[in-house]
Amino acid sequence: MRIEEGIELARYTTLGTGGPARAFARPESEREVRELLRWAEEHSLGVAVVGLGSNLLAADEGIDALVLKLAGELAGVEEAELVLRVGGGAANAVALHRARAAGLGGFEFACAIPGTIGGGVWMNAGAYGGDFAGVLERALVATSDGSGWLTSAELGLSYRRSDLRHGQVVIQADLRLRSGI
């Protein structure tokens, strides 16, 4: 796992804003995320996660934090019966296309949300009368102390918000969908 310094965040925002991150990493597994969160804690750094950068304004002077960009298995999408298991770094559009290909409905509201699953859970994103709280069965959330599964209620999902805090990273989500589109 590689931690880089001075990566310009403008490369990761749709508006092209953002100076250098003090530290930047692309974890590909739950274990790597936990290690990075412990590293940030040991170095007294805050943690931020960048998804597709569609709802992100990064300061041009940079950010004194560890910035994570979830990759590998943390951006994957798998379908099992009526559940879509999705990495926190997966694009909502990719998850929606996989659901449609599997004949699963209920996630159509995400067609208007240009971000990732992790960001969608973090802010209970929604559109067209649907939101993540309506389809989220559980989310795997990592902290420097470990990781665990939380339900929508435990995440405190309400209108466009959750009880998640910086230093907590949504690394996976199980979306309970329905048969038929």
C-alpha atoms as a PDB file:
ATOM      1  CA  MET A   1       0.000   0.000   0.000  1.00  0.00           C
ATOM      2  CA  ARG A   2       1.483   3.295  -1.067  1.00  0.00           C
ATOM      3  CA  ILE A   3       0.908   6.671   0.605  1.00  0.00           C
ATOM      4  CA  GLU A   4       1.682   9.585  -1.706  1.00  0.00           C
ATOM      5  CA  GLU A   5       2.246  13.230  -0.779  1.00  0.00           C
ATOM      6  CA  GLY A   6       1.166  16.369  -2.583  1.00  0.00           C
ATOM      7  CA  ILE A   7      -1.377  14.809  -4.957  1.00  0.00           C
ATOM      8  CA  GLU A   8      -3.423  17.622  -6.513  1.00  0.00           C
ATOM      9  CA  LEU A   9      -7.082  17.106  -5.653  1.00  0.00           C
ATOM     10  CA  ALA A  10      -8.201  19.069  -8.725  1.00  0.00           C
ATOM     11  CA  ARG A  11      -7.672  15.798 -10.642  1.00  0.00           C
ATOM     12  CA  TYR A  12     -10.445  14.253  -8.528  1.00  0.00           C
ATOM     13  CA  THR A  13     -13.149  16.958  -8.567  1.00  0.00           C
ATOM     14  CA  THR A  14     -15.584  17.618 -11.392  1.00  0.00           C
ATOM     15  CA  LEU A  15     -15.076  21.374 -10.990  1.00  0.00           C
ATOM     16  CA  GLY A  16     -11.296  20.987 -11.168  1.00  0.00           C
ATOM     17  CA  THR A  17     -10.629  22.703  -7.855  1.00  0.00           C
ATOM     18  CA  GLY A  18      -8.315  21.536  -5.115  1.00  0.00           C
ATOM     19  CA  GLY A  19      -4.709  21.829  -4.134  1.00  0.00           C
ATOM     20  CA  PRO A  20      -2.434  19.141  -2.761  1.00  0.00           C
ATOM     21  CA  ALA A  21      -3.411  16.569  -0.171  1.00  0.00           C
ATOM     22  CA  ARG A  22      -0.845  16.084   2.572  1.00  0.00           C
ATOM     23  CA  ALA A  23      -1.267  12.321   2.094  1.00  0.00           C
ATOM     24  CA  PHE A  24      -3.165  10.328  -0.512  1.00  0.00           C
ATOM     25  CA  ALA A  25      -3.793   6.593  -0.875  1.00  0.00           C
ATOM     26  CA  ARG A  26      -5.832   4.210  -3.006  1.00  0.00           C
ATOM     27  CA  PRO A  27      -6.776   1.308  -0.699  1.00  0.00           C
ATOM     28  CA  GLU A  28      -8.095  -1.815  -2.395  1.00  0.00           C
ATOM     29  CA  SER A  29      -9.266  -3.835   0.607  1.00  0.00           C
ATOM     30  CA  GLU A  30     -10.905  -3.510   3.996  1.00  0.00           C
ATOM     31  CA  ARG A  31      -7.576  -4.348   5.677  1.00  0.00           C
ATOM     32  CA  GLU A  32      -5.790  -1.550   3.806  1.00  0.00           C
ATOM     33  CA  VAL A  33      -8.463   0.987   4.798  1.00  0.00           C
ATOM     34  CA  ARG A  34      -8.128   0.048   8.469  1.00  0.00           C
ATOM     35  CA  GLU A  35      -4.312   0.273   8.265  1.00  0.00           C
ATOM     36  CA  LEU A  36      -4.537   3.694   6.632  1.00  0.00           C
ATOM     37  CA  LEU A  37      -6.999   4.950   9.236  1.00  0.00           C
ATOM     38  CA  ARG A  38      -4.622   3.817  11.996  1.00  0.00           C
ATOM     39  CA  TRP A  39      -1.721   5.505  10.163  1.00  0.00           C
ATOM     40  CA  ALA A  40      -3.698   8.766   9.958  1.00  0.00           C
ATOM     41  CA  GLU A  41      -4.511   8.564  13.658  1.00  0.00           C
ATOM     42  CA  GLU A  42      -0.839   7.957  14.533  1.00  0.00           C
ATOM     43  CA  HIS A  43       0.108  11.025  12.467  1.00  0.00           C
ATOM     44  CA  SER A  44      -2.733  13.170  13.872  1.00  0.00           C
ATOM     45  CA  LEU A  45      -4.264  13.590  10.416  1.00  0.00           C
ATOM     46  CA  GLY A  46      -7.913  13.871   9.559  1.00  0.00           C
ATOM     47  CA  VAL A  47      -9.301  11.584   6.874  1.00  0.00           C
ATOM     48  CA  ALA A  48     -11.366  12.461   3.827  1.00  0.00           C
ATOM     49  CA  VAL A  49     -12.670  10.176   1.089  1.00  0.00           C
ATOM     50  CA  VAL A  50     -12.988  11.291  -2.501  1.00  0.00           C
ATOM     51  CA  GLY A  51     -15.427   9.463  -4.747  1.00  0.00           C
ATOM     52  CA  LEU A  52     -16.188  10.831  -8.202  1.00  0.00           C
ATOM     53  CA  GLY A  53     -15.725  14.410  -6.995  1.00  0.00           C
ATOM     54  CA  SER A  54     -19.191  15.464  -8.138  1.00  0.00           C
ATOM     55  CA  ASN A  55     -20.212  16.903  -4.768  1.00  0.00           C
ATOM     56  CA  LEU A  56     -16.811  18.089  -3.645  1.00  0.00           C
ATOM     57  CA  LEU A  57     -15.088  21.434  -3.384  1.00  0.00           C
ATOM     58  CA  ALA A  58     -11.489  21.067  -2.290  1.00  0.00           C
ATOM     59  CA  ALA A  59      -9.547  24.140  -1.181  1.00  0.00           C
ATOM     60  CA  ASP A  60      -6.992  25.378  -3.708  1.00  0.00           C
ATOM     61  CA  GLU A  61      -4.434  25.747  -0.893  1.00  0.00           C
ATOM     62  CA  GLY A  62      -4.745  22.011  -0.281  1.00  0.00           C
ATOM     63  CA  ILE A  63      -5.859  19.853   2.607  1.00  0.00           C
ATOM     64  CA  ASP A  64      -3.867  18.750   5.632  1.00  0.00           C
ATOM     65  CA  ALA A  65      -5.356  15.267   5.767  1.00  0.00           C
ATOM     66  CA  LEU A  66      -5.121  11.751   4.427  1.00  0.00           C
ATOM     67  CA  VAL A  67      -7.357  11.527   1.359  1.00  0.00           C
ATOM     68  CA  LEU A  68      -8.577   8.076   0.333  1.00  0.00           C
ATOM     69  CA  LYS A  69      -9.757   7.003  -3.123  1.00  0.00           C
ATOM     70  CA  LEU A  70     -11.328   3.541  -2.791  1.00  0.00           C
ATOM     71  CA  ALA A  71     -10.240   1.127  -5.534  1.00  0.00           C
ATOM     72  CA  GLY A  72      -9.995  -2.585  -6.333  1.00  0.00           C
ATOM     73  CA  GLU A  73     -12.526  -4.751  -4.492  1.00  0.00           C
ATOM     74  CA  LEU A  74     -13.749  -1.588  -2.736  1.00  0.00           C
ATOM     75  CA  ALA A  75     -15.123  -0.399  -6.083  1.00  0.00           C
ATOM     76  CA  GLY A  76     -16.643  -3.721  -7.125  1.00  0.00           C
ATOM     77  CA  VAL A  77     -20.267  -4.739  -7.625  1.00  0.00           C
ATOM     78  CA  GLU A  78     -21.689  -8.239  -7.105  1.00  0.00           C
ATOM     79  CA  GLU A  79     -25.267  -9.496  -7.331  1.00  0.00           C
ATOM     80  CA  ALA A  80     -26.622 -12.294  -5.147  1.00  0.00           C
ATOM     81  CA  GLU A  81     -30.345 -13.030  -5.327  1.00  0.00           C
ATOM     82  CA  LEU A  82     -32.042  -9.713  -4.447  1.00  0.00           C
ATOM     83  CA  VAL A  83     -28.979  -8.088  -2.868  1.00  0.00           C
ATOM     84  CA  LEU A  84     -26.459  -5.940  -4.666  1.00  0.00           C
ATOM     85  CA  ARG A  85     -23.176  -5.982  -2.704  1.00  0.00           C
ATOM     86  CA  VAL A  86     -21.366  -2.832  -3.709  1.00  0.00           C
ATOM     87  CA  GLY A  87     -18.001  -1.372  -2.768  1.00  0.00           C
ATOM     88  CA  GLY A  88     -18.006   2.134  -1.303  1.00  0.00           C
ATOM     89  CA  GLY A  89     -15.889   3.336  -4.230  1.00  0.00           C
ATOM     90  CA  ALA A  90     -18.227   1.975  -6.919  1.00  0.00           C
ATOM     91  CA  ALA A  91     -19.996   4.540  -9.055  1.00  0.00           C
ATOM     92  CA  ASN A  92     -23.760   4.671  -8.563  1.00  0.00           C
ATOM     93  CA  ALA A  93     -24.145   4.386 -12.347  1.00  0.00           C
ATOM     94  CA  VAL A  94     -22.145   1.133 -12.417  1.00  0.00           C
ATOM     95  CA  ALA A  95     -24.249  -0.313  -9.583  1.00  0.00           C
ATOM     96  CA  LEU A  96     -27.446   0.755 -11.357  1.00  0.00           C
ATOM     97  CA  HIS A  97     -26.374  -0.913 -14.615  1.00  0.00           C
ATOM     98  CA  ARG A  98     -25.480  -4.132 -12.774  1.00  0.00           C
ATOM     99  CA  ALA A  99     -28.859  -4.104 -11.019  1.00  0.00           C
ATOM    100  CA  ARG A 100     -30.652  -3.579 -14.322  1.00  0.00           C
ATOM    101  CA  ALA A 101     -28.645  -6.372 -16.007  1.00  0.00           C
ATOM    102  CA  ALA A 102     -29.662  -8.701 -13.144  1.00  0.00           C
ATOM    103  CA  GLY A 103     -33.323  -7.710 -13.503  1.00  0.00           C
ATOM    104  CA  LEU A 104     -33.385  -5.915 -10.150  1.00  0.00           C
ATOM    105  CA  GLY A 105     -35.387  -2.775  -9.450  1.00  0.00           C
ATOM    106  CA  GLY A 106     -35.582  -0.210  -6.703  1.00  0.00           C
ATOM    107  CA  PHE A 107     -32.307   1.611  -7.344  1.00  0.00           C
ATOM    108  CA  GLU A 108     -33.525   3.633 -10.337  1.00  0.00           C
ATOM    109  CA  PHE A 109     -33.468   6.864  -8.310  1.00  0.00           C
ATOM    110  CA  ALA A 110     -29.659   6.675  -8.443  1.00  0.00           C
ATOM    111  CA  CYS A 111     -29.623   7.451 -12.171  1.00  0.00           C
ATOM    112  CA  ALA A 112     -29.581  11.137 -11.213  1.00  0.00           C
ATOM    113  CA  ILE A 113     -26.832  10.841  -8.582  1.00  0.00           C
ATOM    114  CA  PRO A 114     -23.344  11.237 -10.096  1.00  0.00           C
ATOM    115  CA  GLY A 115     -21.368   9.904  -7.132  1.00  0.00           C
ATOM    116  CA  THR A 116     -20.289   6.691  -5.449  1.00  0.00           C
ATOM    117  CA  ILE A 117     -22.036   4.247  -3.153  1.00  0.00           C
ATOM    118  CA  GLY A 118     -19.989   5.360  -0.141  1.00  0.00           C
ATOM    119  CA  GLY A 119     -20.917   8.990  -0.684  1.00  0.00           C
ATOM    120  CA  GLY A 120     -24.533   8.021  -1.305  1.00  0.00           C
ATOM    121  CA  VAL A 121     -24.718   6.224   2.027  1.00  0.00           C
ATOM    122  CA  TRP A 122     -22.791   9.021   3.787  1.00  0.00           C
ATOM    123  CA  MET A 123     -25.359  11.640   2.760  1.00  0.00           C
ATOM    124  CA  ASN A 124     -28.376   9.397   2.199  1.00  0.00           C
ATOM    125  CA  ALA A 125     -28.443  10.594  -1.386  1.00  0.00           C
ATOM    126  CA  GLY A 126     -31.714  10.443  -3.236  1.00  0.00           C
ATOM    127  CA  ALA A 127     -33.791  11.619  -6.156  1.00  0.00           C
ATOM    128  CA  TYR A 128     -37.206  10.967  -7.717  1.00  0.00           C
ATOM    129  CA  GLY A 129     -38.765   9.948  -4.408  1.00  0.00           C
ATOM    130  CA  GLY A 130     -36.142   7.339  -3.498  1.00  0.00           C
ATOM    131  CA  ASP A 131     -33.001   7.378  -1.378  1.00  0.00           C
ATOM    132  CA  PHE A 132     -30.352   5.080   0.045  1.00  0.00           C
ATOM    133  CA  ALA A 133     -32.293   4.602   3.291  1.00  0.00           C
ATOM    134  CA  GLY A 134     -35.000   2.896   1.229  1.00  0.00           C
ATOM    135  CA  VAL A 135     -32.678   0.239  -0.233  1.00  0.00           C
ATOM    136  CA  LEU A 136     -29.761  -0.032   2.196  1.00  0.00           C
ATOM    137  CA  GLU A 137     -29.827  -3.278   4.138  1.00  0.00           C
ATOM    138  CA  ARG A 138     -26.490  -2.641   5.827  1.00  0.00           C
ATOM    139  CA  ALA A 139     -23.150  -0.885   5.315  1.00  0.00           C
ATOM    140  CA  LEU A 140     -19.669  -1.971   6.311  1.00  0.00           C
ATOM    141  CA  VAL A 141     -18.014   1.012   7.990  1.00  0.00           C
ATOM    142  CA  ALA A 142     -14.322   1.119   8.857  1.00  0.00           C
ATOM    143  CA  THR A 143     -12.644   3.158  11.589  1.00  0.00           C
ATOM    144  CA  SER A 144      -9.133   3.114  13.011  1.00  0.00           C
ATOM    145  CA  ASP A 145     -10.446   0.636  15.619  1.00  0.00           C
ATOM    146  CA  GLY A 146     -11.827  -1.864  13.095  1.00  0.00           C
ATOM    147  CA  SER A 147     -14.914  -2.278  10.973  1.00  0.00           C
ATOM    148  CA  GLY A 148     -18.484  -3.428  11.389  1.00  0.00           C
ATOM    149  CA  TRP A 149     -21.834  -3.673   9.683  1.00  0.00           C
ATOM    150  CA  LEU A 150     -24.451  -0.999  10.440  1.00  0.00           C
ATOM    151  CA  THR A 151     -28.112  -0.811   9.383  1.00  0.00           C
ATOM    152  CA  SER A 152     -29.835   2.304   8.058  1.00  0.00           C
ATOM    153  CA  ALA A 153     -31.223   2.965  11.543  1.00  0.00           C
ATOM    154  CA  GLU A 154     -27.791   2.567  13.144  1.00  0.00           C
ATOM    155  CA  LEU A 155     -26.349   4.966  10.558  1.00  0.00           C
ATOM    156  CA  GLY A 156     -29.021   7.515  11.459  1.00  0.00           C
ATOM    157  CA  LEU A 157     -30.091   8.005   7.845  1.00  0.00           C
ATOM    158  CA  SER A 158     -32.539  10.851   7.430  1.00  0.00           C
ATOM    159  CA  TYR A 159     -33.204  13.459   4.753  1.00  0.00           C
ATOM    160  CA  ARG A 160     -29.836  13.933   2.994  1.00  0.00           C
ATOM    161  CA  ARG A 161     -27.739  13.059   6.032  1.00  0.00           C
ATOM    162  CA  SER A 162     -26.340  10.343   8.253  1.00  0.00           C
ATOM    163  CA  ASP A 163     -24.657  10.200  11.631  1.00  0.00           C
ATOM    164  CA  LEU A 164     -21.330   9.189  10.036  1.00  0.00           C
ATOM    165  CA  ARG A 165     -18.313  11.339  10.943  1.00  0.00           C
ATOM    166  CA  HIS A 166     -14.905  11.972   9.425  1.00  0.00           C
ATOM    167  CA  GLY A 167     -12.665   9.017  10.131  1.00  0.00           C
ATOM    168  CA  GLN A 168     -15.487   6.587   9.331  1.00  0.00           C
ATOM    169  CA  VAL A 169     -15.324   5.134   5.831  1.00  0.00           C
ATOM    170  CA  VAL A 170     -18.160   3.291   4.071  1.00  0.00           C
ATOM    171  CA  ILE A 171     -16.273   0.476   2.384  1.00  0.00           C
ATOM    172  CA  GLN A 172     -19.197  -1.699   1.310  1.00  0.00           C
ATOM    173  CA  ALA A 173     -22.987  -1.662   1.182  1.00  0.00           C
ATOM    174  CA  ASP A 174     -25.645  -4.317   0.706  1.00  0.00           C
ATOM    175  CA  LEU A 175     -28.596  -2.920  -1.220  1.00  0.00           C
ATOM    176  CA  ARG A 176     -31.836  -4.905  -0.917  1.00  0.00           C
ATOM    177  CA  LEU A 177     -33.596  -4.587  -4.271  1.00  0.00           C
ATOM    178  CA  ARG A 178     -36.653  -6.217  -5.804  1.00  0.00           C
ATOM    179  CA  SER A 179     -37.153  -8.512  -8.719  1.00  0.00           C
ATOM    180  CA  GLY A 180     -38.171  -6.760 -11.919  1.00  0.00           C
ATOM    181  CA  ILE A 181     -37.426  -3.317 -13.245  1.00  0.00           C
END
